[in-house]
Amino acid sequence: MSPPLARLMRSSIVHVGFAFLAMGSWAVFANRAHPMPAPLLAGLIQGTLSALITLLLKRGIEHLASRFTGLAALLAPPVIAGVVSASVLTVIHTIGGTPEIARTIAVPLTVATSYAALYNFSLWRSRRAMNHGAE
């Protein structure tokens, strides 16, 4: 990968923009059977929320992972992140009048929670390796 492309792939702005476009588009698609402007509003809401979640999730997992030990450090951070994300998505879409809330949040919530679980697993495994190496 070329250095400019590698820098672009590490850019938070690129990640946030991609989350907005990808998950906002998904929300429009999930609500396509409803009259306009409902699908577009759902897309705007979901795109914005996905951008914010993308921006905050990595740091949130890192913070949570530092608060737990043992098996709780493996399980709690992604569960907490998933519950918080699901709650925020559901509440904001309800307030916004999104017609197909479950369909709208299914993909973004799955992606965010999967990322949280995989990233947290990598942190947990690294911390375990460091702790076992110190013994």
C-alpha atoms as a PDB file:
ATOM      1  CA  MET A   1       0.000   0.000   0.000  1.00  0.00           C
ATOM      2  CA  SER A   2       1.398   3.401  -0.929  1.00  0.00           C
ATOM      3  CA  PRO A   3       2.163   5.835   1.915  1.00  0.00           C
ATOM      4  CA  PRO A   4      -0.541   8.346   0.861  1.00  0.00           C
ATOM      5  CA  LEU A   5      -3.138   5.564   0.689  1.00  0.00           C
ATOM      6  CA  ALA A   6      -2.010   4.170   4.045  1.00  0.00           C
ATOM      7  CA  ARG A   7      -2.353   7.651   5.619  1.00  0.00           C
ATOM      8  CA  LEU A   8      -5.810   7.990   4.098  1.00  0.00           C
ATOM      9  CA  MET A   9      -6.872   4.601   5.517  1.00  0.00           C
ATOM     10  CA  ARG A  10      -5.763   5.678   9.023  1.00  0.00           C
ATOM     11  CA  SER A  11      -7.601   8.988   8.846  1.00  0.00           C
ATOM     12  CA  SER A  12     -10.391   9.428  11.391  1.00  0.00           C
ATOM     13  CA  ILE A  13     -12.189  11.747   8.976  1.00  0.00           C
ATOM     14  CA  VAL A  14     -12.238   9.011   6.334  1.00  0.00           C
ATOM     15  CA  HIS A  15     -13.597   6.470   8.821  1.00  0.00           C
ATOM     16  CA  VAL A  16     -16.265   8.877  10.095  1.00  0.00           C
ATOM     17  CA  GLY A  17     -17.246   9.871   6.554  1.00  0.00           C
ATOM     18  CA  PHE A  18     -17.435   6.257   5.442  1.00  0.00           C
ATOM     19  CA  ALA A  19     -19.605   5.365   8.451  1.00  0.00           C
ATOM     20  CA  PHE A  20     -21.935   8.274   7.678  1.00  0.00           C
ATOM     21  CA  LEU A  21     -22.313   7.305   4.010  1.00  0.00           C
ATOM     22  CA  ALA A  22     -22.459   3.529   4.436  1.00  0.00           C
ATOM     23  CA  MET A  23     -24.829   3.334   7.397  1.00  0.00           C
ATOM     24  CA  GLY A  24     -26.868   6.345   6.308  1.00  0.00           C
ATOM     25  CA  SER A  25     -27.383   4.668   2.944  1.00  0.00           C
ATOM     26  CA  TRP A  26     -28.364   1.465   4.700  1.00  0.00           C
ATOM     27  CA  ALA A  27     -30.996   3.360   6.709  1.00  0.00           C
ATOM     28  CA  VAL A  28     -32.447   4.901   3.539  1.00  0.00           C
ATOM     29  CA  PHE A  29     -32.624   1.415   2.019  1.00  0.00           C
ATOM     30  CA  ALA A  30     -34.179  -0.116   5.155  1.00  0.00           C
ATOM     31  CA  ASN A  31     -36.941   2.529   5.090  1.00  0.00           C
ATOM     32  CA  ARG A  32     -37.438   2.656   1.311  1.00  0.00           C
ATOM     33  CA  ALA A  33     -41.035   1.346   1.469  1.00  0.00           C
ATOM     34  CA  HIS A  34     -42.161   4.449   3.347  1.00  0.00           C
ATOM     35  CA  PRO A  35     -43.004   7.787   1.734  1.00  0.00           C
ATOM     36  CA  MET A  36     -40.387  10.500   1.507  1.00  0.00           C
ATOM     37  CA  PRO A  37     -38.884  12.169   3.460  1.00  0.00           C
ATOM     38  CA  ALA A  38     -38.930   9.341   6.064  1.00  0.00           C
ATOM     39  CA  PRO A  39     -36.169   7.291   4.372  1.00  0.00           C
ATOM     40  CA  LEU A  40     -33.952  10.354   3.968  1.00  0.00           C
ATOM     41  CA  LEU A  41     -34.485  11.460   7.563  1.00  0.00           C
ATOM     42  CA  ALA A  42     -33.684   7.936   8.784  1.00  0.00           C
ATOM     43  CA  GLY A  43     -30.519   8.034   6.665  1.00  0.00           C
ATOM     44  CA  LEU A  44     -29.477  11.405   8.052  1.00  0.00           C
ATOM     45  CA  ILE A  45     -30.111  10.261  11.630  1.00  0.00           C
ATOM     46  CA  GLN A  46     -28.329   6.925  11.188  1.00  0.00           C
ATOM     47  CA  GLY A  47     -25.438   8.430   9.259  1.00  0.00           C
ATOM     48  CA  THR A  48     -24.868  11.017  11.954  1.00  0.00           C
ATOM     49  CA  LEU A  49     -25.132   8.471  14.771  1.00  0.00           C
ATOM     50  CA  SER A  50     -22.809   6.027  12.988  1.00  0.00           C
ATOM     51  CA  ALA A  51     -20.258   8.795  12.451  1.00  0.00           C
ATOM     52  CA  LEU A  52     -20.372   9.666  16.166  1.00  0.00           C
ATOM     53  CA  ILE A  53     -20.213   6.028  17.242  1.00  0.00           C
ATOM     54  CA  THR A  54     -17.247   5.475  14.929  1.00  0.00           C
ATOM     55  CA  LEU A  55     -15.496   8.467  16.424  1.00  0.00           C
ATOM     56  CA  LEU A  56     -16.109   7.421  20.049  1.00  0.00           C
ATOM     57  CA  LEU A  57     -16.144   3.613  20.031  1.00  0.00           C
ATOM     58  CA  LYS A  58     -12.396   2.938  19.961  1.00  0.00           C
ATOM     59  CA  ARG A  59     -11.689   5.260  22.875  1.00  0.00           C
ATOM     60  CA  GLY A  60     -14.717   3.984  24.763  1.00  0.00           C
ATOM     61  CA  ILE A  61     -13.552   0.374  24.463  1.00  0.00           C
ATOM     62  CA  GLU A  62     -10.044   1.355  25.555  1.00  0.00           C
ATOM     63  CA  HIS A  63     -11.452   3.160  28.609  1.00  0.00           C
ATOM     64  CA  LEU A  64     -13.770   0.287  29.543  1.00  0.00           C
ATOM     65  CA  ALA A  65     -11.075  -2.337  28.992  1.00  0.00           C
ATOM     66  CA  SER A  66      -8.852  -0.564  31.510  1.00  0.00           C
ATOM     67  CA  ARG A  67     -11.603  -0.737  34.163  1.00  0.00           C
ATOM     68  CA  PHE A  68     -11.997  -4.531  34.263  1.00  0.00           C
ATOM     69  CA  THR A  69      -9.796  -7.555  34.902  1.00  0.00           C
ATOM     70  CA  GLY A  70      -9.974 -11.230  34.014  1.00  0.00           C
ATOM     71  CA  LEU A  71     -12.956 -12.555  32.115  1.00  0.00           C
ATOM     72  CA  ALA A  72     -14.936  -9.380  32.844  1.00  0.00           C
ATOM     73  CA  ALA A  73     -12.318  -7.433  30.847  1.00  0.00           C
ATOM     74  CA  LEU A  74     -13.071  -9.675  27.870  1.00  0.00           C
ATOM     75  CA  LEU A  75     -16.861  -9.584  28.093  1.00  0.00           C
ATOM     76  CA  ALA A  76     -17.980  -6.346  29.730  1.00  0.00           C
ATOM     77  CA  PRO A  77     -16.600  -3.675  27.356  1.00  0.00           C
ATOM     78  CA  PRO A  78     -18.255  -4.946  24.149  1.00  0.00           C
ATOM     79  CA  VAL A  79     -21.491  -5.773  25.999  1.00  0.00           C
ATOM     80  CA  ILE A  80     -21.608  -2.289  27.518  1.00  0.00           C
ATOM     81  CA  ALA A  81     -20.772  -0.684  24.169  1.00  0.00           C
ATOM     82  CA  GLY A  82     -23.474  -2.747  22.442  1.00  0.00           C
ATOM     83  CA  VAL A  83     -26.152  -1.929  25.015  1.00  0.00           C
ATOM     84  CA  VAL A  84     -25.305   1.775  25.000  1.00  0.00           C
ATOM     85  CA  SER A  85     -25.253   1.871  21.182  1.00  0.00           C
ATOM     86  CA  ALA A  86     -28.550  -0.012  20.898  1.00  0.00           C
ATOM     87  CA  SER A  87     -30.178   2.273  23.447  1.00  0.00           C
ATOM     88  CA  VAL A  88     -28.965   5.494  21.840  1.00  0.00           C
ATOM     89  CA  LEU A  89     -29.891   4.311  18.333  1.00  0.00           C
ATOM     90  CA  THR A  90     -33.356   3.199  19.427  1.00  0.00           C
ATOM     91  CA  VAL A  91     -34.135   6.365  21.385  1.00  0.00           C
ATOM     92  CA  ILE A  92     -32.907   8.786  18.712  1.00  0.00           C
ATOM     93  CA  HIS A  93     -34.652   6.927  15.886  1.00  0.00           C
ATOM     94  CA  THR A  94     -37.859   6.832  17.951  1.00  0.00           C
ATOM     95  CA  ILE A  95     -37.653  10.580  18.550  1.00  0.00           C
ATOM     96  CA  GLY A  96     -36.878  11.106  14.855  1.00  0.00           C
ATOM     97  CA  GLY A  97     -39.878   9.055  13.742  1.00  0.00           C
ATOM     98  CA  THR A  98     -37.935   6.401  11.834  1.00  0.00           C
ATOM     99  CA  PRO A  99     -40.536   3.881  10.612  1.00  0.00           C
ATOM    100  CA  GLU A 100     -38.346   0.745  10.506  1.00  0.00           C
ATOM    101  CA  ILE A 101     -36.188   1.105  13.618  1.00  0.00           C
ATOM    102  CA  ALA A 102     -35.193  -2.555  13.993  1.00  0.00           C
ATOM    103  CA  ARG A 103     -34.223  -2.871  10.311  1.00  0.00           C
ATOM    104  CA  THR A 104     -32.484   0.494  10.392  1.00  0.00           C
ATOM    105  CA  ILE A 105     -30.234  -0.262  13.349  1.00  0.00           C
ATOM    106  CA  ALA A 106     -29.604  -3.982  12.693  1.00  0.00           C
ATOM    107  CA  VAL A 107     -26.611  -3.552  10.389  1.00  0.00           C
ATOM    108  CA  PRO A 108     -24.952  -0.563  12.122  1.00  0.00           C
ATOM    109  CA  LEU A 109     -25.371  -2.170  15.540  1.00  0.00           C
ATOM    110  CA  THR A 110     -23.950  -5.474  14.299  1.00  0.00           C
ATOM    111  CA  VAL A 111     -20.943  -3.727  12.755  1.00  0.00           C
ATOM    112  CA  ALA A 112     -20.280  -1.559  15.833  1.00  0.00           C
ATOM    113  CA  THR A 113     -20.677  -4.415  18.311  1.00  0.00           C
ATOM    114  CA  SER A 114     -18.521  -6.757  16.205  1.00  0.00           C
ATOM    115  CA  TYR A 115     -15.806  -4.116  16.027  1.00  0.00           C
ATOM    116  CA  ALA A 116     -16.071  -3.536  19.777  1.00  0.00           C
ATOM    117  CA  ALA A 117     -15.761  -7.271  20.493  1.00  0.00           C
ATOM    118  CA  LEU A 118     -12.820  -7.813  18.138  1.00  0.00           C
ATOM    119  CA  TYR A 119     -10.931  -4.711  19.223  1.00  0.00           C
ATOM    120  CA  ASN A 120     -11.543  -5.492  22.884  1.00  0.00           C
ATOM    121  CA  PHE A 121     -10.369  -9.079  22.340  1.00  0.00           C
ATOM    122  CA  SER A 122      -7.115  -7.767  20.879  1.00  0.00           C
ATOM    123  CA  LEU A 123      -6.634  -5.469  23.896  1.00  0.00           C
ATOM    124  CA  TRP A 124      -7.487  -8.280  26.331  1.00  0.00           C
ATOM    125  CA  ARG A 125      -5.100 -10.707  24.641  1.00  0.00           C
ATOM    126  CA  SER A 126      -2.276  -8.135  24.599  1.00  0.00           C
ATOM    127  CA  ARG A 127      -2.800  -7.351  28.268  1.00  0.00           C
ATOM    128  CA  ARG A 128      -2.815 -11.046  29.150  1.00  0.00           C
ATOM    129  CA  ALA A 129       0.392 -11.621  27.180  1.00  0.00           C
ATOM    130  CA  MET A 130       2.067  -8.711  28.979  1.00  0.00           C
ATOM    131  CA  ASN A 131       0.899  -9.978  32.384  1.00  0.00           C
ATOM    132  CA  HIS A 132       2.069 -13.533  31.677  1.00  0.00           C
ATOM    133  CA  GLY A 133       5.383 -12.230  30.385  1.00  0.00           C
ATOM    134  CA  ALA A 134       5.923 -10.337  33.617  1.00  0.00           C
ATOM    135  CA  GLU A 135       5.645 -13.498  35.701  1.00  0.00           C
END
